[in-house]
C-alpha atoms as a PDB file:
ATOM      1  CA  UNK A   1      12.531 -10.832 -15.082  1.00  0.00           C
ATOM      2  CA  UNK A   2      12.635 -11.749 -18.758  1.00  0.00           C
ATOM      3  CA  UNK A   3      13.416  -8.123 -19.566  1.00  0.00           C
ATOM      4  CA  UNK A   4      16.096  -7.630 -16.894  1.00  0.00           C
ATOM      5  CA  UNK A   5      18.327 -10.491 -15.774  1.00  0.00           C
ATOM      6  CA  UNK A   6      19.585  -8.497 -12.784  1.00  0.00           C
ATOM      7  CA  UNK A   7      16.238  -9.036 -11.002  1.00  0.00           C
ATOM      8  CA  UNK A   8      16.371 -11.739  -8.333  1.00  0.00           C
ATOM      9  CA  UNK A   9      13.810 -12.922  -5.774  1.00  0.00           C
ATOM     10  CA  UNK A  10      14.531 -13.948  -2.200  1.00  0.00           C
ATOM     11  CA  UNK A  11      12.490 -14.801   0.861  1.00  0.00           C
ATOM     12  CA  UNK A  12      11.142 -17.581   3.055  1.00  0.00           C
ATOM     13  CA  UNK A  13       9.469 -20.475   1.205  1.00  0.00           C
ATOM     14  CA  UNK A  14       9.452 -18.544  -2.093  1.00  0.00           C
ATOM     15  CA  UNK A  15      10.310 -21.783  -3.926  1.00  0.00           C
ATOM     16  CA  UNK A  16       8.629 -24.459  -1.796  1.00  0.00           C
ATOM     17  CA  UNK A  17       5.270 -22.724  -1.450  1.00  0.00           C
ATOM     18  CA  UNK A  18       5.654 -19.619  -3.573  1.00  0.00           C
ATOM     19  CA  UNK A  19       5.655 -17.563  -0.394  1.00  0.00           C
ATOM     20  CA  UNK A  20       2.748 -17.491   2.093  1.00  0.00           C
ATOM     21  CA  UNK A  21       0.257 -16.621  -0.665  1.00  0.00           C
ATOM     22  CA  UNK A  22       1.806 -18.472  -3.626  1.00  0.00           C
ATOM     23  CA  UNK A  23       2.717 -15.249  -5.446  1.00  0.00           C
ATOM     24  CA  UNK A  24       6.116 -16.583  -6.584  1.00  0.00           C
ATOM     25  CA  UNK A  25       4.980 -20.139  -7.313  1.00  0.00           C
ATOM     26  CA  UNK A  26       6.625 -21.506 -10.470  1.00  0.00           C
ATOM     27  CA  UNK A  27       9.219 -18.729 -10.808  1.00  0.00           C
ATOM     28  CA  UNK A  28      12.072 -21.043  -9.855  1.00  0.00           C
ATOM     29  CA  UNK A  29      11.283 -23.317 -12.797  1.00  0.00           C
ATOM     30  CA  UNK A  30      11.153 -20.373 -15.183  1.00  0.00           C
ATOM     31  CA  UNK A  31      14.204 -18.569 -13.800  1.00  0.00           C
ATOM     32  CA  UNK A  32      16.463 -21.196 -12.213  1.00  0.00           C
ATOM     33  CA  UNK A  33      19.153 -19.791  -9.959  1.00  0.00           C
ATOM     34  CA  UNK A  34      17.460 -16.395  -9.607  1.00  0.00           C
ATOM     35  CA  UNK A  35      15.005 -17.403  -6.866  1.00  0.00           C
ATOM     36  CA  UNK A  36      16.661 -17.847  -3.478  1.00  0.00           C
ATOM     37  CA  UNK A  37      14.929 -19.400  -0.484  1.00  0.00           C
ATOM     38  CA  UNK A  38      16.188 -17.939   2.780  1.00  0.00           C
ATOM     39  CA  UNK A  39      16.321 -18.909   6.448  1.00  0.00           C
ATOM     40  CA  UNK A  40      13.792 -17.367   8.822  1.00  0.00           C
ATOM     41  CA  UNK A  41      15.666 -14.103   9.342  1.00  0.00           C
ATOM     42  CA  UNK A  42      14.083 -10.862   8.208  1.00  0.00           C
ATOM     43  CA  UNK A  43      17.244  -8.939   9.067  1.00  0.00           C
ATOM     44  CA  UNK A  44      19.184 -11.351   6.865  1.00  0.00           C
ATOM     45  CA  UNK A  45      16.677 -11.127   4.010  1.00  0.00           C
ATOM     46  CA  UNK A  46      16.621  -7.327   3.914  1.00  0.00           C
ATOM     47  CA  UNK A  47      20.348  -6.994   4.568  1.00  0.00           C
ATOM     48  CA  UNK A  48      21.139  -9.419   1.755  1.00  0.00           C
ATOM     49  CA  UNK A  49      18.787  -7.565  -0.582  1.00  0.00           C
ATOM     50  CA  UNK A  50      20.495  -4.266   0.228  1.00  0.00           C
ATOM     51  CA  UNK A  51      23.946  -5.731  -0.373  1.00  0.00           C
ATOM     52  CA  UNK A  52      22.830  -7.251  -3.667  1.00  0.00           C
ATOM     53  CA  UNK A  53      21.401  -3.892  -4.787  1.00  0.00           C
ATOM     54  CA  UNK A  54      24.652  -2.109  -3.970  1.00  0.00           C
ATOM     55  CA  UNK A  55      26.463  -4.686  -6.116  1.00  0.00           C
ATOM     56  CA  UNK A  56      24.296  -4.062  -9.179  1.00  0.00           C
ATOM     57  CA  UNK A  57      21.389  -6.478  -8.733  1.00  0.00           C
ATOM     58  CA  UNK A  58      17.686  -5.645  -8.487  1.00  0.00           C
ATOM     59  CA  UNK A  59      16.437  -7.773  -5.586  1.00  0.00           C
ATOM     60  CA  UNK A  60      12.765  -8.374  -4.816  1.00  0.00           C
ATOM     61  CA  UNK A  61      12.648  -9.492  -1.200  1.00  0.00           C
ATOM     62  CA  UNK A  62       9.518 -10.896   0.397  1.00  0.00           C
ATOM     63  CA  UNK A  63       8.989 -10.458   4.122  1.00  0.00           C
ATOM     64  CA  UNK A  64       6.288 -12.994   4.910  1.00  0.00           C
ATOM     65  CA  UNK A  65       4.101 -10.482   6.786  1.00  0.00           C
ATOM     66  CA  UNK A  66       4.609  -6.745   7.181  1.00  0.00           C
ATOM     67  CA  UNK A  67       4.529  -7.327  10.958  1.00  0.00           C
ATOM     68  CA  UNK A  68       7.866  -9.140  10.648  1.00  0.00           C
ATOM     69  CA  UNK A  69       9.522  -6.100   9.098  1.00  0.00           C
ATOM     70  CA  UNK A  70       9.909  -5.028  12.716  1.00  0.00           C
ATOM     71  CA  UNK A  71      12.697  -7.626  12.902  1.00  0.00           C
ATOM     72  CA  UNK A  72      14.574  -5.743  10.164  1.00  0.00           C
ATOM     73  CA  UNK A  73      13.911  -2.126  11.093  1.00  0.00           C
ATOM     74  CA  UNK A  74      17.594  -1.238  11.285  1.00  0.00           C
ATOM     75  CA  UNK A  75      18.188  -2.600   7.787  1.00  0.00           C
ATOM     76  CA  UNK A  76      15.104  -0.842   6.381  1.00  0.00           C
ATOM     77  CA  UNK A  77      15.177   2.479   8.235  1.00  0.00           C
ATOM     78  CA  UNK A  78      18.837   3.114   9.075  1.00  0.00           C
ATOM     79  CA  UNK A  79      20.482   1.469   6.077  1.00  0.00           C
ATOM     80  CA  UNK A  80      18.289   0.992   3.015  1.00  0.00           C
ATOM     81  CA  UNK A  81      16.528   4.362   3.332  1.00  0.00           C
ATOM     82  CA  UNK A  82      19.726   6.341   3.900  1.00  0.00           C
ATOM     83  CA  UNK A  83      22.472   4.731   1.812  1.00  0.00           C
ATOM     84  CA  UNK A  84      21.976   6.873  -1.300  1.00  0.00           C
ATOM     85  CA  UNK A  85      22.079  10.074   0.769  1.00  0.00           C
ATOM     86  CA  UNK A  86      25.051   8.988   2.882  1.00  0.00           C
ATOM     87  CA  UNK A  87      27.024   8.017  -0.231  1.00  0.00           C
ATOM     88  CA  UNK A  88      26.327  11.408  -1.788  1.00  0.00           C
ATOM     89  CA  UNK A  89      24.157   9.941  -4.540  1.00  0.00           C
ATOM     90  CA  UNK A  90      26.974   7.735  -5.843  1.00  0.00           C
ATOM     91  CA  UNK A  91      24.953   4.521  -5.644  1.00  0.00           C
ATOM     92  CA  UNK A  92      21.470   3.291  -6.527  1.00  0.00           C
ATOM     93  CA  UNK A  93      19.421   1.210  -4.081  1.00  0.00           C
ATOM     94  CA  UNK A  94      16.872  -0.621  -6.275  1.00  0.00           C
ATOM     95  CA  UNK A  95      15.342  -2.886  -3.612  1.00  0.00           C
ATOM     96  CA  UNK A  96      11.673  -3.891  -3.685  1.00  0.00           C
ATOM     97  CA  UNK A  97      10.299  -5.224  -0.400  1.00  0.00           C
ATOM     98  CA  UNK A  98       7.046  -7.125  -0.834  1.00  0.00           C
ATOM     99  CA  UNK A  99       5.030  -6.866   2.385  1.00  0.00           C
ATOM    100  CA  UNK A 100       1.718  -8.760   2.755  1.00  0.00           C
ATOM    101  CA  UNK A 101      -0.434  -6.591   5.013  1.00  0.00           C
ATOM    102  CA  UNK A 102      -3.741  -6.339   6.819  1.00  0.00           C
ATOM    103  CA  UNK A 103      -6.242  -8.787   8.236  1.00  0.00           C
ATOM    104  CA  UNK A 104      -7.118 -12.098   6.593  1.00  0.00           C
ATOM    105  CA  UNK A 105      -7.900 -15.650   7.663  1.00  0.00           C
ATOM    106  CA  UNK A 106      -8.110 -14.645  11.342  1.00  0.00           C
ATOM    107  CA  UNK A 107      -4.358 -14.231  11.729  1.00  0.00           C
ATOM    108  CA  UNK A 108      -4.658 -12.196  14.939  1.00  0.00           C
ATOM    109  CA  UNK A 109      -2.504  -9.417  16.349  1.00  0.00           C
ATOM    110  CA  UNK A 110       0.992 -10.353  15.118  1.00  0.00           C
ATOM    111  CA  UNK A 111       0.104 -11.143  11.503  1.00  0.00           C
ATOM    112  CA  UNK A 112      -2.553  -8.550  10.623  1.00  0.00           C
ATOM    113  CA  UNK A 113      -1.072  -5.104  11.032  1.00  0.00           C
ATOM    114  CA  UNK A 114      -1.091  -2.191   8.588  1.00  0.00           C
ATOM    115  CA  UNK A 115       2.139  -0.247   9.039  1.00  0.00           C
ATOM    116  CA  UNK A 116       2.306   2.160   6.106  1.00  0.00           C
ATOM    117  CA  UNK A 117       2.423   5.196   8.399  1.00  0.00           C
ATOM    118  CA  UNK A 118       5.617   3.977  10.068  1.00  0.00           C
ATOM    119  CA  UNK A 119       7.447   3.878   6.751  1.00  0.00           C
ATOM    120  CA  UNK A 120       6.056   6.974   5.044  1.00  0.00           C
ATOM    121  CA  UNK A 121       7.596   8.861   7.983  1.00  0.00           C
ATOM    122  CA  UNK A 122      11.101   7.815   6.828  1.00  0.00           C
ATOM    123  CA  UNK A 123      12.730   9.928   4.087  1.00  0.00           C
ATOM    124  CA  UNK A 124      14.278   7.737   1.407  1.00  0.00           C
ATOM    125  CA  UNK A 125      11.562   5.077   1.219  1.00  0.00           C
ATOM    126  CA  UNK A 126       8.821   4.891  -1.412  1.00  0.00           C
ATOM    127  CA  UNK A 127       5.546   3.396  -0.167  1.00  0.00           C
ATOM    128  CA  UNK A 128       3.162   1.746  -2.642  1.00  0.00           C
ATOM    129  CA  UNK A 129      -0.312   0.386  -1.841  1.00  0.00           C
ATOM    130  CA  UNK A 130      -2.191  -1.041  -4.857  1.00  0.00           C
ATOM    131  CA  UNK A 131      -5.909  -1.788  -4.629  1.00  0.00           C
ATOM    132  CA  UNK A 132      -6.433  -3.793  -7.857  1.00  0.00           C
ATOM    133  CA  UNK A 133      -4.549  -6.391  -9.858  1.00  0.00           C
ATOM    134  CA  UNK A 134      -4.238  -3.899 -12.727  1.00  0.00           C
ATOM    135  CA  UNK A 135      -2.617  -1.328 -10.478  1.00  0.00           C
ATOM    136  CA  UNK A 136      -0.432  -3.935  -8.768  1.00  0.00           C
ATOM    137  CA  UNK A 137       1.104  -5.005 -12.079  1.00  0.00           C
ATOM    138  CA  UNK A 138       1.687  -1.473 -13.327  1.00  0.00           C
ATOM    139  CA  UNK A 139       3.104  -0.240 -10.025  1.00  0.00           C
ATOM    140  CA  UNK A 140       5.347  -3.282  -9.648  1.00  0.00           C
ATOM    141  CA  UNK A 141       6.790  -2.634 -13.116  1.00  0.00           C
ATOM    142  CA  UNK A 142       7.687   0.890 -12.018  1.00  0.00           C
ATOM    143  CA  UNK A 143       9.162  -0.389  -8.756  1.00  0.00           C
ATOM    144  CA  UNK A 144      11.361  -2.887 -10.608  1.00  0.00           C
ATOM    145  CA  UNK A 145      12.712  -0.223 -12.953  1.00  0.00           C
ATOM    146  CA  UNK A 146      13.469   2.428 -10.337  1.00  0.00           C
ATOM    147  CA  UNK A 147      16.659   3.374  -8.515  1.00  0.00           C
ATOM    148  CA  UNK A 148      15.368   3.686  -4.948  1.00  0.00           C
ATOM    149  CA  UNK A 149      13.918   1.343  -2.312  1.00  0.00           C
ATOM    150  CA  UNK A 150      10.208   0.564  -2.557  1.00  0.00           C
ATOM    151  CA  UNK A 151       7.974  -0.902   0.123  1.00  0.00           C
ATOM    152  CA  UNK A 152       5.220  -2.669  -1.798  1.00  0.00           C
ATOM    153  CA  UNK A 153       2.258  -3.233   0.530  1.00  0.00           C
ATOM    154  CA  UNK A 154       0.108  -6.155  -0.633  1.00  0.00           C
ATOM    155  CA  UNK A 155      -3.163  -6.409   1.267  1.00  0.00           C
ATOM    156  CA  UNK A 156      -3.848 -10.091   1.734  1.00  0.00           C
ATOM    157  CA  UNK A 157      -7.614  -9.892   1.245  1.00  0.00           C
ATOM    158  CA  UNK A 158      -7.083  -8.333  -2.186  1.00  0.00           C
ATOM    159  CA  UNK A 159      -5.138 -11.313  -3.582  1.00  0.00           C
ATOM    160  CA  UNK A 160      -8.384 -13.033  -4.597  1.00  0.00           C
ATOM    161  CA  UNK A 161      -9.957  -9.943  -6.223  1.00  0.00           C
ATOM    162  CA  UNK A 162     -10.131 -10.137 -10.005  1.00  0.00           C
ATOM    163  CA  UNK A 163     -10.114  -7.512 -12.747  1.00  0.00           C
ATOM    164  CA  UNK A 164      -8.987  -7.117 -16.340  1.00  0.00           C
ATOM    165  CA  UNK A 165      -5.182  -7.044 -16.598  1.00  0.00           C
ATOM    166  CA  UNK A 166      -3.620  -6.548 -20.054  1.00  0.00           C
ATOM    167  CA  UNK A 167      -0.931  -8.984 -21.155  1.00  0.00           C
ATOM    168  CA  UNK A 168       1.106  -6.208 -22.720  1.00  0.00           C
ATOM    169  CA  UNK A 169       3.750  -4.245 -20.892  1.00  0.00           C
ATOM    170  CA  UNK A 170       2.596  -1.125 -19.025  1.00  0.00           C
ATOM    171  CA  UNK A 171       3.835   0.818 -16.020  1.00  0.00           C
ATOM    172  CA  UNK A 172       1.968   3.164 -13.679  1.00  0.00           C
ATOM    173  CA  UNK A 173       4.081   6.114 -12.511  1.00  0.00           C
ATOM    174  CA  UNK A 174       4.497   6.643  -8.797  1.00  0.00           C
ATOM    175  CA  UNK A 175       2.756   9.720  -7.410  1.00  0.00           C
ATOM    176  CA  UNK A 176      -0.245   9.371  -9.725  1.00  0.00           C
ATOM    177  CA  UNK A 177      -3.516   8.837  -7.869  1.00  0.00           C
ATOM    178  CA  UNK A 178      -6.503   7.413  -9.729  1.00  0.00           C
ATOM    179  CA  UNK A 179     -10.095   8.653  -9.689  1.00  0.00           C
ATOM    180  CA  UNK A 180     -11.878   5.314  -9.565  1.00  0.00           C
ATOM    181  CA  UNK A 181     -15.337   6.910  -9.656  1.00  0.00           C
ATOM    182  CA  UNK A 182     -16.467  10.474 -10.337  1.00  0.00           C
ATOM    183  CA  UNK A 183     -19.001  12.327  -8.218  1.00  0.00           C
ATOM    184  CA  UNK A 184     -19.869  15.827  -7.101  1.00  0.00           C
ATOM    185  CA  UNK A 185     -21.022  15.641  -3.475  1.00  0.00           C
ATOM    186  CA  UNK A 186     -18.342  13.931  -1.367  1.00  0.00           C
ATOM    187  CA  UNK A 187     -14.763  12.799  -2.003  1.00  0.00           C
ATOM    188  CA  UNK A 188     -13.502   9.578  -0.455  1.00  0.00           C
ATOM    189  CA  UNK A 189      -9.706   9.378  -0.510  1.00  0.00           C
ATOM    190  CA  UNK A 190      -9.045   5.668  -0.040  1.00  0.00           C
ATOM    191  CA  UNK A 191      -5.989   3.466   0.263  1.00  0.00           C
ATOM    192  CA  UNK A 192      -5.601  -0.247  -0.488  1.00  0.00           C
ATOM    193  CA  UNK A 193      -8.502  -2.441   0.683  1.00  0.00           C
ATOM    194  CA  UNK A 194     -10.659   0.588   1.467  1.00  0.00           C
ATOM    195  CA  UNK A 195     -10.917   1.417  -2.238  1.00  0.00           C
ATOM    196  CA  UNK A 196     -13.398  -1.381  -3.071  1.00  0.00           C
ATOM    197  CA  UNK A 197     -15.323  -0.516   0.103  1.00  0.00           C
ATOM    198  CA  UNK A 198     -15.456   3.129  -0.970  1.00  0.00           C
ATOM    199  CA  UNK A 199     -16.832   2.063  -4.355  1.00  0.00           C
ATOM    200  CA  UNK A 200     -19.460  -0.070  -2.610  1.00  0.00           C
ATOM    201  CA  UNK A 201     -20.404   2.900  -0.441  1.00  0.00           C
ATOM    202  CA  UNK A 202     -20.716   5.080  -3.526  1.00  0.00           C
ATOM    203  CA  UNK A 203     -23.114   2.562  -5.098  1.00  0.00           C
ATOM    204  CA  UNK A 204     -25.253   2.525  -1.940  1.00  0.00           C
ATOM    205  CA  UNK A 205     -25.361   6.317  -1.652  1.00  0.00           C
ATOM    206  CA  UNK A 206     -26.141   7.068  -5.285  1.00  0.00           C
ATOM    207  CA  UNK A 207     -29.869   6.171  -5.049  1.00  0.00           C
ATOM    208  CA  UNK A 208     -30.091   8.664  -2.167  1.00  0.00           C
ATOM    209  CA  UNK A 209     -28.835  11.426  -4.439  1.00  0.00           C
ATOM    210  CA  UNK A 210     -25.347  11.495  -2.891  1.00  0.00           C
ATOM    211  CA  UNK A 211     -22.727  11.137  -5.615  1.00  0.00           C
ATOM    212  CA  UNK A 212     -19.354  10.086  -4.261  1.00  0.00           C
ATOM    213  CA  UNK A 213     -16.011  10.605  -5.967  1.00  0.00           C
ATOM    214  CA  UNK A 214     -13.505   7.890  -5.060  1.00  0.00           C
ATOM    215  CA  UNK A 215      -9.797   8.710  -5.271  1.00  0.00           C
ATOM    216  CA  UNK A 216      -7.346   5.801  -4.961  1.00  0.00           C
ATOM    217  CA  UNK A 217      -4.014   7.085  -3.606  1.00  0.00           C
ATOM    218  CA  UNK A 218      -2.045   4.176  -5.180  1.00  0.00           C
ATOM    219  CA  UNK A 219       1.221   5.475  -3.701  1.00  0.00           C
ATOM    220  CA  UNK A 220       1.725   7.234  -0.377  1.00  0.00           C
ATOM    221  CA  UNK A 221       5.327   8.254  -1.081  1.00  0.00           C
ATOM    222  CA  UNK A 222       5.336  10.025  -3.456  1.00  0.00           C
ATOM    223  CA  UNK A 223       1.827  11.341  -2.823  1.00  0.00           C
ATOM    224  CA  UNK A 224      -0.370  12.937  -5.487  1.00  0.00           C
ATOM    225  CA  UNK A 225      -1.691  16.042  -3.724  1.00  0.00           C
ATOM    226  CA  UNK A 226      -2.863  17.627  -6.974  1.00  0.00           C
ATOM    227  CA  UNK A 227      -5.468  14.951  -7.770  1.00  0.00           C
ATOM    228  CA  UNK A 228      -6.730  14.839  -4.190  1.00  0.00           C
ATOM    229  CA  UNK A 229      -6.983  18.628  -3.902  1.00  0.00           C
ATOM    230  CA  UNK A 230      -8.750  18.909  -7.263  1.00  0.00           C
ATOM    231  CA  UNK A 231     -11.382  16.443  -6.069  1.00  0.00           C
ATOM    232  CA  UNK A 232     -11.855  18.264  -2.757  1.00  0.00           C
ATOM    233  CA  UNK A 233     -12.241  21.574  -4.596  1.00  0.00           C
ATOM    234  CA  UNK A 234     -14.923  19.907  -6.716  1.00  0.00           C
ATOM    235  CA  UNK A 235     -16.966  18.294  -3.908  1.00  0.00           C
ATOM    236  CA  UNK A 236     -16.058  20.510  -0.895  1.00  0.00           C
ATOM    237  CA  UNK A 237     -16.413  17.517   1.437  1.00  0.00           C
ATOM    238  CA  UNK A 238     -13.929  14.720   2.064  1.00  0.00           C
ATOM    239  CA  UNK A 239     -13.534  11.434   3.892  1.00  0.00           C
ATOM    240  CA  UNK A 240     -10.064   9.918   4.213  1.00  0.00           C
ATOM    241  CA  UNK A 241      -9.958   6.184   4.845  1.00  0.00           C
ATOM    242  CA  UNK A 242      -7.450   3.381   5.305  1.00  0.00           C
ATOM    243  CA  UNK A 243      -7.291   0.115   7.247  1.00  0.00           C
ATOM    244  CA  UNK A 244      -4.570   1.292   9.611  1.00  0.00           C
ATOM    245  CA  UNK A 245      -5.169   2.104  13.262  1.00  0.00           C
ATOM    246  CA  UNK A 246      -6.719   5.559  13.229  1.00  0.00           C
ATOM    247  CA  UNK A 247      -4.317   7.188  15.704  1.00  0.00           C
ATOM    248  CA  UNK A 248      -1.259   8.421  13.805  1.00  0.00           C
ATOM    249  CA  UNK A 249      -2.268   6.601  10.616  1.00  0.00           C
ATOM    250  CA  UNK A 250      -1.898   7.571   6.975  1.00  0.00           C
ATOM    251  CA  UNK A 251      -5.390   9.072   7.041  1.00  0.00           C
ATOM    252  CA  UNK A 252      -4.135  11.580   9.617  1.00  0.00           C
ATOM    253  CA  UNK A 253      -1.331  12.717   7.313  1.00  0.00           C
ATOM    254  CA  UNK A 254      -3.630  13.094   4.309  1.00  0.00           C
ATOM    255  CA  UNK A 255      -6.304  14.866   6.362  1.00  0.00           C
ATOM    256  CA  UNK A 256      -3.724  17.299   7.715  1.00  0.00           C
ATOM    257  CA  UNK A 257      -2.477  18.071   4.200  1.00  0.00           C
ATOM    258  CA  UNK A 258      -6.024  18.845   3.077  1.00  0.00           C
ATOM    259  CA  UNK A 259      -6.695  21.020   6.137  1.00  0.00           C
ATOM    260  CA  UNK A 260      -3.376  22.835   5.761  1.00  0.00           C
ATOM    261  CA  UNK A 261      -3.272  23.386   2.005  1.00  0.00           C
ATOM    262  CA  UNK A 262      -6.872  23.060   0.795  1.00  0.00           C
ATOM    263  CA  UNK A 263      -8.837  24.532   3.696  1.00  0.00           C
ATOM    264  CA  UNK A 264     -10.735  27.159   1.715  1.00  0.00           C
ATOM    265  CA  UNK A 265     -12.331  24.435  -0.431  1.00  0.00           C
ATOM    266  CA  UNK A 266     -13.930  22.700   2.560  1.00  0.00           C
ATOM    267  CA  UNK A 267     -17.577  23.181   3.484  1.00  0.00           C
ATOM    268  CA  UNK A 268     -17.305  20.693   6.367  1.00  0.00           C
ATOM    269  CA  UNK A 269     -14.571  19.176   8.567  1.00  0.00           C
ATOM    270  CA  UNK A 270     -12.477  16.358   7.132  1.00  0.00           C
ATOM    271  CA  UNK A 271     -13.794  12.941   8.204  1.00  0.00           C
ATOM    272  CA  UNK A 272     -11.570   9.922   8.847  1.00  0.00           C
ATOM    273  CA  UNK A 273     -12.600   6.256   8.737  1.00  0.00           C
ATOM    274  CA  UNK A 274      -9.977   3.800   9.960  1.00  0.00           C
ATOM    275  CA  UNK A 275      -9.434   0.802  12.241  1.00  0.00           C
ATOM    276  CA  UNK A 276     -10.108   0.746  15.964  1.00  0.00           C
ATOM    277  CA  UNK A 277      -7.175   1.413  18.282  1.00  0.00           C
ATOM    278  CA  UNK A 278      -6.737  -2.155  19.542  1.00  0.00           C
ATOM    279  CA  UNK A 279      -4.571  -5.140  18.539  1.00  0.00           C
ATOM    280  CA  UNK A 280      -6.296  -7.265  15.912  1.00  0.00           C
ATOM    281  CA  UNK A 281      -8.359  -9.964  17.698  1.00  0.00           C
ATOM    282  CA  UNK A 282      -8.304 -13.623  16.735  1.00  0.00           C
ATOM    283  CA  UNK A 283     -12.072 -13.919  17.272  1.00  0.00           C
ATOM    284  CA  UNK A 284     -13.927 -13.491  13.966  1.00  0.00           C
ATOM    285  CA  UNK A 285     -16.735 -11.544  15.642  1.00  0.00           C
ATOM    286  CA  UNK A 286     -14.302  -9.190  17.359  1.00  0.00           C
ATOM    287  CA  UNK A 287     -12.255  -8.744  14.179  1.00  0.00           C
ATOM    288  CA  UNK A 288     -15.401  -7.451  12.471  1.00  0.00           C
ATOM    289  CA  UNK A 289     -15.589  -4.693  15.090  1.00  0.00           C
ATOM    290  CA  UNK A 290     -12.024  -3.542  14.432  1.00  0.00           C
ATOM    291  CA  UNK A 291     -11.754  -3.361  10.623  1.00  0.00           C
ATOM    292  CA  UNK A 292     -13.467  -0.343   8.960  1.00  0.00           C
ATOM    293  CA  UNK A 293     -16.459  -1.271   6.824  1.00  0.00           C
ATOM    294  CA  UNK A 294     -18.515   0.039   3.937  1.00  0.00           C
ATOM    295  CA  UNK A 295     -21.288   1.090   6.311  1.00  0.00           C
ATOM    296  CA  UNK A 296     -18.871   3.340   8.202  1.00  0.00           C
ATOM    297  CA  UNK A 297     -18.135   5.211   4.973  1.00  0.00           C
ATOM    298  CA  UNK A 298     -21.837   5.457   4.166  1.00  0.00           C
ATOM    299  CA  UNK A 299     -22.580   6.928   7.607  1.00  0.00           C
ATOM    300  CA  UNK A 300     -19.715   9.426   7.324  1.00  0.00           C
ATOM    301  CA  UNK A 301     -20.888  10.586   3.892  1.00  0.00           C
ATOM    302  CA  UNK A 302     -24.466  11.046   5.080  1.00  0.00           C
ATOM    303  CA  UNK A 303     -23.258  13.087   8.038  1.00  0.00           C
ATOM    304  CA  UNK A 304     -21.099  15.318   5.818  1.00  0.00           C
ATOM    305  CA  UNK A 305     -23.904  15.986   3.347  1.00  0.00           C
ATOM    306  CA  UNK A 306     -26.335  16.583   6.206  1.00  0.00           C
END
């Protein structure tokens, strides 16, 4: 925001509380007049952001939970995603939608969903899912400097994770996956909160002689097929994992790409590890049964290696 005075922030409670997870706390004092607190209307928030973008601003709009993006699906899917195409490329649409996602604090069925697959199905939207603070900063820089709408999925349980983040300016290009750990026996292609779980699984499997390569997708649209395929060609076995419901999820799309375009490299069927096909329970014990865990990845890797 210091670099570009066209960037504005809008959303519910973004001044009073810094949003539901205090991400924007203090910004109003640093950039007075550029932080706008909105009524409870997701359609209004996204529609206003789109209008501001068409008038030359770079809005960052927070929808309190990704579940509530359902209240603005027309604005996201029929307007924001299609405006550049329908105007024949005559206008930019530099909107960033920040979308807290996934389970946390026992928020139950209407505040815990993972909806990446819905949006990666829509041409015109870029879908970003960081797994670390380092990646979140670099990917957000790229989102803020782009010309097209970005859905920035922020998994709530990752807000408290810490890592080294440089003070200097850096940007991570979209469509550039990251090999978080190298290995030669099994590839785990992981998204968002499943990346740290994949790394934990790799640590547990290493003493057994199973060396896991962990590939962090970082962005789903655009998607880095080259890095994923190179890893599969190296290990010949692959697990695809995310926290979405398994049926029709992102893992299904990635698995189908591997089966369709990298089949000859496979020595075993593609495995998928994802959430159970039920609404997220409020009960803490039941929630544990729904969300995919490290031990599920460990079991899948053992089965693949045989």
